[in-house]
Protein backbone atom coordinates (compact mmCIF):
# COMPACT_ATOMS: atom_id res chain seq x y z
CA MET A 1 43.12 107.79 -16.26
CA GLU A 2 45.40 110.50 -17.77
CA ILE A 3 48.43 108.93 -15.93
CA MET A 4 47.53 105.55 -17.49
CA GLN A 5 47.34 107.07 -20.97
CA ILE A 6 50.74 108.78 -20.52
CA PHE A 7 52.37 105.55 -19.37
CA LEU A 8 50.89 103.50 -22.25
CA LEU A 9 52.00 106.12 -24.77
CA ALA A 10 55.57 106.00 -23.24
CA GLU A 11 55.47 102.15 -23.55
CA ARG A 12 54.29 102.36 -27.15
CA LEU A 13 57.03 104.85 -28.02
CA ARG A 14 59.60 102.74 -26.09
CA VAL A 15 60.59 105.65 -23.83
CA SER A 16 59.19 104.32 -20.52
CA GLY A 17 62.81 103.82 -19.39
CA ALA A 18 63.77 107.44 -20.01
CA ASP A 19 64.77 109.59 -17.08
CA ILE A 20 62.24 112.30 -16.01
CA GLY A 21 64.19 113.79 -13.09
CA ASP A 22 66.62 116.68 -12.88
CA ALA A 23 69.97 117.41 -11.32
CA GLY A 24 68.32 118.10 -7.95
CA TYR A 25 67.72 114.42 -7.27
CA ALA A 26 69.97 112.97 -4.65
CA SER A 27 69.96 109.56 -6.33
CA ALA A 28 69.44 108.45 -9.95
CA ALA A 29 66.61 110.25 -11.70
CA PRO A 30 63.41 108.20 -11.89
CA THR A 31 62.09 106.78 -15.14
CA VAL A 32 58.59 107.00 -16.50
CA ARG A 33 57.94 103.35 -15.48
CA LEU A 34 59.28 103.88 -11.96
CA ALA A 35 57.14 106.93 -11.43
CA PHE A 36 54.07 105.11 -12.68
CA LYS A 37 54.70 102.21 -10.30
CA ARG A 38 55.07 104.66 -7.33
CA ILE A 39 51.75 106.25 -8.21
CA LEU A 40 50.03 102.84 -8.48
CA LEU A 41 51.46 101.64 -5.12
CA VAL A 42 50.32 104.71 -3.30
CA SER A 43 46.84 104.54 -4.86
CA ILE A 44 46.35 100.97 -3.63
CA LEU A 45 46.63 102.27 -0.04
CA HIS A 46 43.78 104.77 -0.49
CA PRO A 47 46.04 107.75 0.37
CA TYR A 48 43.15 109.77 1.90
CA ARG A 49 43.26 107.35 4.77
CA LEU A 50 46.84 108.10 5.60
CA GLN A 51 47.85 110.49 8.33
CA PRO A 52 49.18 113.97 7.40
CA GLY A 53 52.62 113.70 5.85
CA GLU A 54 52.54 109.88 5.37
CA ALA A 55 51.63 109.99 1.67
CA TRP A 56 54.72 112.09 0.81
CA ALA A 57 56.95 110.06 3.15
CA LEU A 58 55.79 106.91 1.39
CA PHE A 59 56.39 108.44 -2.05
CA ASP A 60 59.96 109.20 -1.02
CA TYR A 61 60.38 105.70 0.38
CA LEU A 62 59.27 104.28 -2.96
CA ARG A 63 61.99 106.20 -4.72
CA GLN A 64 64.42 103.58 -3.54
CA THR A 65 62.11 100.55 -3.37
CA ALA A 66 59.53 100.77 -6.15
CA ASP A 67 61.82 98.91 -8.61
CA LEU A 68 61.09 95.83 -6.54
CA ALA A 69 57.49 95.80 -7.75
CA ARG A 70 57.05 94.05 -11.05
CA LEU A 71 54.69 95.51 -13.71
CA SER A 72 53.92 93.38 -16.69
CA GLN A 73 51.18 92.45 -19.13
CA PHE A 74 48.47 90.36 -17.48
CA ARG A 75 48.84 86.60 -17.63
CA GLN A 76 46.69 84.32 -15.60
CA ARG A 77 48.40 82.77 -12.56
CA ASP A 78 47.52 80.76 -9.49
CA LYS A 79 49.04 83.09 -6.96
CA THR A 80 46.95 86.07 -6.04
CA GLU A 81 48.40 87.35 -2.78
CA GLY A 82 50.37 90.57 -3.46
CA CYS A 83 49.07 90.77 -7.02
CA PHE A 84 46.92 93.56 -8.32
CA LEU A 85 45.01 93.89 -11.60
CA VAL A 86 45.44 97.27 -13.30
CA PRO A 87 42.80 97.81 -16.04
CA VAL A 88 44.07 99.95 -18.90
CA ARG A 89 40.86 101.94 -18.69
CA GLY A 90 39.75 102.19 -15.01
CA PRO A 91 40.98 102.34 -11.42
CA VAL A 92 43.46 99.89 -9.91
CA ARG A 93 41.77 97.15 -7.88
CA HIS A 94 42.66 94.03 -5.98
CA LEU A 95 43.22 90.97 -8.21
CA HIS A 96 40.34 88.52 -7.70
CA TYR A 97 39.67 85.80 -10.23
CA ASP A 98 39.55 82.10 -10.78
CA SER A 99 40.82 79.99 -13.61
CA SER A 100 37.68 80.41 -15.63
CA SER A 101 36.88 84.04 -15.10
CA LEU A 102 39.53 85.69 -17.29
CA PRO A 103 41.47 84.83 -20.43
CA GLU A 104 45.07 83.66 -20.11
CA GLU A 105 46.29 86.97 -21.49
CA SER A 106 44.79 90.33 -21.93
CA GLU A 107 46.11 93.50 -23.59
CA GLN A 108 43.51 95.52 -21.54
CA MET A 109 45.10 94.71 -18.29
CA LEU A 110 48.43 95.05 -16.46
CA LEU A 111 49.64 93.00 -13.51
CA LEU A 112 51.40 94.62 -10.52
CA ASP A 113 53.29 92.04 -8.34
CA THR A 114 54.42 93.39 -5.01
CA THR A 115 55.91 90.16 -3.58
CA SER A 116 59.53 91.36 -3.53
CA LEU A 117 58.48 94.82 -2.27
CA ASN A 118 56.63 93.20 0.61
CA VAL A 119 59.73 91.29 1.61
CA ARG A 120 61.69 94.53 1.74
CA ALA A 121 58.89 96.28 3.75
CA TYR A 122 58.87 93.38 6.24
CA GLN A 123 62.64 93.53 6.61
CA ASP A 124 62.51 97.23 7.24
CA LEU A 125 59.77 96.79 9.87
CA SER A 126 61.82 94.06 11.61
CA THR A 127 64.95 96.10 11.86
CA ILE A 128 62.99 99.13 13.23
CA LYS A 129 61.33 96.99 15.93
CA SER A 130 64.63 95.44 16.97
CA GLY A 131 66.32 98.78 17.15
CA ARG A 132 68.90 97.90 14.50
CA SER A 133 68.07 100.89 12.27
CA ASP A 134 66.98 104.49 12.69
CA PRO A 135 63.28 105.23 11.79
CA ALA A 136 64.34 108.63 10.43
CA SER A 137 66.30 106.87 7.68
CA LEU A 138 63.01 105.52 6.21
CA PHE A 139 60.29 108.06 6.81
CA GLY A 140 61.98 111.15 8.21
CA ALA A 141 59.98 112.92 10.82
CA LEU A 142 57.29 110.25 11.40
CA GLY A 143 59.11 108.84 14.38
CA ARG A 144 59.35 105.20 15.43
CA HIS A 145 55.69 104.70 16.17
CA GLY A 146 54.61 106.46 12.91
CA THR A 147 57.23 104.47 10.92
CA GLU A 148 56.01 101.13 12.32
CA ARG A 149 52.38 102.08 11.73
CA LEU A 150 53.01 103.02 8.06
CA LEU A 151 55.09 99.92 7.31
CA HIS A 152 52.34 97.72 8.83
CA THR A 153 49.79 99.53 6.64
CA LEU A 154 51.93 98.81 3.56
CA LEU A 155 52.08 95.10 4.36
CA VAL A 156 48.34 94.82 5.00
CA ASN A 157 47.41 96.59 1.78
CA TRP A 158 50.14 95.29 -0.52
CA HIS A 159 50.15 91.66 0.53
CA LEU A 160 47.74 90.38 3.16
CA ARG A 161 44.65 91.79 1.36
CA PRO A 162 42.26 91.73 4.40
CA ARG A 163 39.32 89.42 4.09
CA ARG A 164 35.85 89.82 5.63
CA ARG A 165 34.24 86.98 7.48
CA HIS A 166 30.93 88.07 6.03
CA ALA A 167 29.94 89.87 2.85
CA ARG A 168 29.97 93.66 3.18
CA GLN A 169 26.53 95.07 3.95
CA GLU A 170 25.91 98.39 2.30
CA ARG A 171 23.85 100.82 4.43
CA TYR A 172 21.49 102.73 2.29
CA ASN A 173 19.93 106.02 3.27
CA TRP A 174 19.21 109.46 1.87
CA VAL A 175 21.24 112.46 2.96
CA VAL A 176 21.17 116.10 2.21
CA ALA A 177 24.45 117.83 1.37
CA ALA A 178 25.80 121.39 1.34
CA CYS A 179 28.96 121.89 -0.69
CA GLY A 180 31.75 124.44 -0.13
CA LEU A 181 33.11 126.47 2.72
CA ASP A 182 30.57 129.29 2.44
CA ALA A 183 27.56 127.02 2.55
CA ILE A 184 28.90 125.00 5.51
CA ARG A 185 29.74 128.14 7.55
CA GLU A 186 26.29 129.62 6.97
CA TYR A 187 24.64 126.39 8.09
CA LEU A 188 26.81 126.08 11.22
CA GLU A 189 26.44 129.70 12.17
CA ARG A 190 22.68 129.24 12.39
CA GLU A 191 22.81 125.89 14.17
CA GLN A 192 25.43 127.03 16.71
CA ALA A 193 23.89 130.41 17.50
CA PRO A 194 24.20 131.32 21.19
CA ASN A 195 20.47 132.02 21.61
CA ARG A 196 19.37 128.53 20.53
CA SER A 197 17.44 126.83 23.30
CA ASP A 198 18.42 123.34 22.17
CA THR A 199 22.11 123.91 21.77
CA GLY A 200 23.92 121.01 23.44
CA THR A 201 27.14 120.71 25.37
CA PRO A 202 30.39 120.92 23.39
CA GLU A 203 30.72 117.16 23.56
CA GLN A 204 27.22 116.78 22.03
CA MET A 205 27.93 119.43 19.40
CA GLU A 206 30.99 117.52 18.30
CA GLU A 207 28.97 114.69 16.94
CA THR A 208 25.42 115.85 16.48
CA ILE A 209 23.23 118.99 16.25
CA HIS A 210 19.51 119.39 16.17
CA ILE A 211 17.87 120.97 13.14
CA VAL A 212 15.81 124.13 13.77
CA ASP A 213 13.81 124.10 10.59
CA ARG A 214 11.97 120.82 10.39
CA MET A 215 11.90 120.99 6.60
CA PRO A 216 13.29 118.43 4.13
CA GLY A 217 17.01 119.05 3.79
CA ILE A 218 19.34 121.83 4.83
CA ARG A 219 18.17 125.38 4.32
CA THR A 220 20.67 128.04 3.47
CA ARG A 221 20.03 131.55 2.32
CA GLU A 222 22.26 131.67 -0.74
CA HIS A 223 23.70 128.24 -1.44
CA GLU A 224 22.18 125.26 -3.17
CA THR A 225 21.78 121.95 -1.37
CA HIS A 226 21.37 118.41 -2.78
CA ARG A 227 19.63 115.17 -1.77
CA TRP A 228 21.88 112.22 -2.55
CA ARG A 229 21.87 108.49 -1.82
CA GLN A 230 24.14 107.13 0.89
CA ILE A 231 25.46 103.66 0.05
CA ASP A 232 27.79 103.15 3.01
CA ILE A 233 28.96 104.95 6.15
CA SER A 234 31.54 104.39 8.88
CA SER A 235 33.13 106.41 11.67
CA SER A 236 35.69 107.78 9.22
CA GLY A 237 33.61 108.52 6.15
CA ILE A 238 30.69 108.09 3.79
CA ALA A 239 30.07 106.91 0.26
CA LEU A 240 27.44 108.68 -1.83
CA THR A 241 25.87 108.19 -5.27
CA LEU A 242 24.65 111.20 -7.20
CA PRO A 243 23.06 111.79 -10.67
CA ALA A 244 25.57 112.49 -13.48
CA ASP A 245 23.92 115.93 -14.12
CA GLU A 246 24.83 117.00 -10.50
CA VAL A 247 28.46 115.82 -10.39
CA GLY A 248 29.65 119.29 -11.44
CA THR A 249 28.87 120.49 -7.90
CA LEU A 250 31.51 118.17 -6.49
CA GLU A 251 35.24 118.06 -6.94
CA VAL A 252 38.04 116.24 -5.16
CA GLY A 253 39.39 118.28 -2.29
CA GLN A 254 36.15 120.07 -1.62
CA LEU A 255 34.52 120.46 1.83
CA ILE A 256 31.04 119.07 2.20
CA LEU A 257 28.46 118.86 5.01
CA VAL A 258 26.05 115.94 5.10
CA THR A 259 23.02 115.29 7.36
CA ASP A 260 20.28 112.69 7.48
CA ASP A 261 17.30 113.52 5.32
CA ASP A 262 14.63 113.12 7.98
CA SER A 263 13.02 115.19 10.78
CA SER A 264 14.08 113.08 13.81
CA ASP A 265 15.57 114.78 16.82
CA ASP A 266 18.69 112.64 16.71
CA ARG A 267 19.68 113.60 13.18
CA ARG A 268 23.36 114.23 12.91
CA TRP A 269 25.61 116.23 10.70
CA HIS A 270 29.20 115.59 9.55
CA VAL A 271 31.72 117.82 7.83
CA GLY A 272 34.06 116.03 5.51
CA VAL A 273 36.36 116.27 2.48
CA VAL A 274 35.63 114.80 -0.92
CA ARG A 275 38.50 112.40 -1.63
CA ARG A 276 37.31 110.65 -4.82
CA VAL A 277 34.63 111.01 -7.50
CA ILE A 278 34.33 108.07 -9.94
CA GLN A 279 31.72 107.19 -12.57
CA ARG A 280 29.62 104.07 -11.72
CA ASP A 281 27.57 103.99 -14.93
CA MET A 282 26.22 106.36 -17.52
CA LYS A 283 23.74 108.01 -15.09
CA HIS A 284 25.47 107.90 -11.75
CA PHE A 285 28.72 108.87 -10.05
CA GLU A 286 30.08 107.74 -6.70
CA ALA A 287 31.80 110.07 -4.22
CA GLY A 288 33.95 109.13 -1.23
CA VAL A 289 33.97 111.55 1.65
CA GLN A 290 36.49 111.48 4.59
CA PHE A 291 35.03 112.95 7.82
CA VAL A 292 36.90 115.70 9.65
CA GLN A 293 37.40 114.48 13.23
CA GLY A 294 36.94 116.92 16.06
CA ARG A 295 34.71 119.80 17.15
CA ILE A 296 33.96 122.28 14.41
CA ARG A 297 32.80 125.86 14.72
CA ALA A 298 31.82 128.39 12.07
CA ALA A 299 34.06 131.53 11.82
CA SER A 300 35.16 134.29 9.53
CA ILE A 301 38.76 135.24 8.93
CA ARG A 302 40.87 137.83 7.25
CA PRO A 303 44.66 138.51 7.08
CA GLU A 304 45.85 141.25 9.48
CA VAL A 305 47.55 144.02 7.53
CA PHE A 306 49.42 146.44 9.69
CA GLY A 307 50.12 149.97 8.57
CA SER A 308 47.32 149.92 5.93
CA GLU A 309 44.01 151.68 6.15
CA GLN A 310 42.42 149.23 3.76
CA ALA A 311 41.73 145.81 5.20
CA SER A 312 40.51 142.79 3.29
CA ASP A 313 37.01 141.51 3.72
CA PHE A 314 36.26 138.68 6.12
CA GLN A 315 35.96 135.28 4.41
CA SER A 316 34.36 131.95 5.48
CA ALA A 317 36.36 129.72 7.74
CA LEU A 318 35.93 126.73 10.09
CA LEU A 319 37.72 126.22 13.40
CA LEU A 320 38.60 122.69 14.36
CA GLU A 321 39.47 121.56 17.89
CA ARG A 322 41.25 118.18 17.64
CA GLY A 323 42.03 117.55 21.35
CA PRO A 324 43.93 118.93 24.39
CA GLU A 325 47.35 117.78 23.12
CA GLN A 326 47.00 119.00 19.55
CA SER A 327 47.08 122.44 18.08
CA PRO A 328 43.81 123.88 16.85
CA VAL A 329 43.22 124.01 13.10
CA VAL A 330 41.49 126.52 10.82
CA PHE A 331 39.98 125.85 7.34
CA THR A 332 40.24 128.84 5.00
CA PRO A 333 39.67 129.51 1.33
CA HIS A 334 42.51 128.52 -1.05
CA MET A 335 45.48 130.90 -1.29
CA LEU A 336 44.77 132.66 2.04
CA TYR A 337 47.53 130.85 3.98
CA ARG A 338 50.84 132.57 4.67
CA GLU A 339 53.38 131.02 7.07
CA HIS A 340 53.83 132.82 10.41
CA HIS A 341 51.28 135.43 9.56
CA GLU A 342 48.64 137.06 11.76
CA TYR A 343 44.97 136.73 10.98
CA LEU A 344 41.81 138.24 12.59
CA VAL A 345 39.17 135.68 13.44
CA GLU A 346 35.55 136.38 14.30
CA THR A 347 33.03 133.81 15.58
CA GLY A 348 29.35 134.45 15.97
CA GLY A 349 28.47 136.42 19.03
CA GLU A 350 32.05 136.57 20.31
CA ALA A 351 34.83 139.14 20.23
CA CYS A 352 37.40 139.01 17.47
CA PHE A 353 40.79 137.54 18.28
CA ARG A 354 44.09 137.25 16.50
CA ILE A 355 45.88 134.08 15.56
CA ASN A 356 49.33 133.26 14.30
CA SER A 357 49.42 130.69 11.45
CA GLY A 358 51.50 127.57 12.04
CA ALA A 359 52.14 124.52 9.89
CA LEU A 360 50.21 124.04 6.68
CA LEU A 361 48.56 120.58 6.93
CA GLU A 362 46.74 120.40 3.64
CA SER A 363 46.12 122.55 0.55
CA THR A 364 43.59 121.79 -2.17
CA LEU A 365 42.09 123.87 -4.95
CA CYS A 366 39.15 124.57 -2.64
CA TYR A 367 40.58 125.20 0.83
CA GLU A 368 43.71 125.27 3.01
CA ARG A 369 43.97 123.70 6.44
CA PHE A 370 46.68 124.87 8.89
CA GLU A 371 47.45 124.90 12.59
CA TYR A 372 47.19 128.17 14.51
CA ALA A 373 47.95 129.67 17.93
CA PRO A 374 45.67 132.37 19.46
CA ILE A 375 47.63 135.60 20.19
CA ARG A 376 45.35 137.88 22.21
CA LEU A 377 41.77 139.13 22.44
CA HIS A 378 41.00 142.17 20.29
CA GLY A 379 38.31 144.71 21.02
């Protein structure tokens, strides 16, 4: 919403064509209008669904190609493929209308036409597949497979606009949620305790865990939990609605744990990241959560400081095992990450061990996620 207001102000003042870059740009500095189009084009793709690094690679790609997308005041037209309606007040959405549903012109809407941009993306995809160009020239370190995947994603979302054979069926349910790294670690520590008689195998623990206390909702000692409405769920995420007076407990980029609000033995839990929070009406908000894929364990972590008698306190963390061919990952509080630094990690009932931090995968105002390599057992 703030970005839209800035762009409209620039249009009103006739400065949307002004440069906003600096001398560090390899090419011509972007204008306000170009930067706005790049943001719109990335938002259409739902960037939280992209793989790590793809959003920034796409943003750089659009530095050279975003001018091909045409942004204008809305005027009704017959063609809808590759066209998107941008309300002046509200999120961008796919353009769906018939000749009688909207006025011929509207000052409250903008029209984003990606037809020429789709042609360029298709040409780039064709040259990559035929071997006539280097994938690194488009998306840097994504490689050939990653470049082809991202270009295909662009074409699907910017032009083809996938259609469903049947109307989407929302799946309603009630879930209980614990928000924040501390609350999630506390819950998982109790559920994954070594002395639990019903603890499953690692494969079972990856997807589901039984609840010890057969009480409504998650019970934590210090942290508040909430009962919210589930309106849709898939293997990759969940959509929730919550009262307006509880939206202050959620923010984009926050970790959240959700579990079914029932007492059945097959109740499952999921850890995810809040990727969007939007207002549906005066009384309700909608939150979109992207699930974290892999096996998660509760842990505590602190930076290892050599030559100092005063060590920092342990803080909440989550360990993530993604697969045999991928480096393990740790979630820590914001501002804890330092590149190539040693940390001391403790998991419930096990000896402490040291890790060396690797690549930073994601940083939000609530947590940091980075790869690590175990060093040696300690103590």
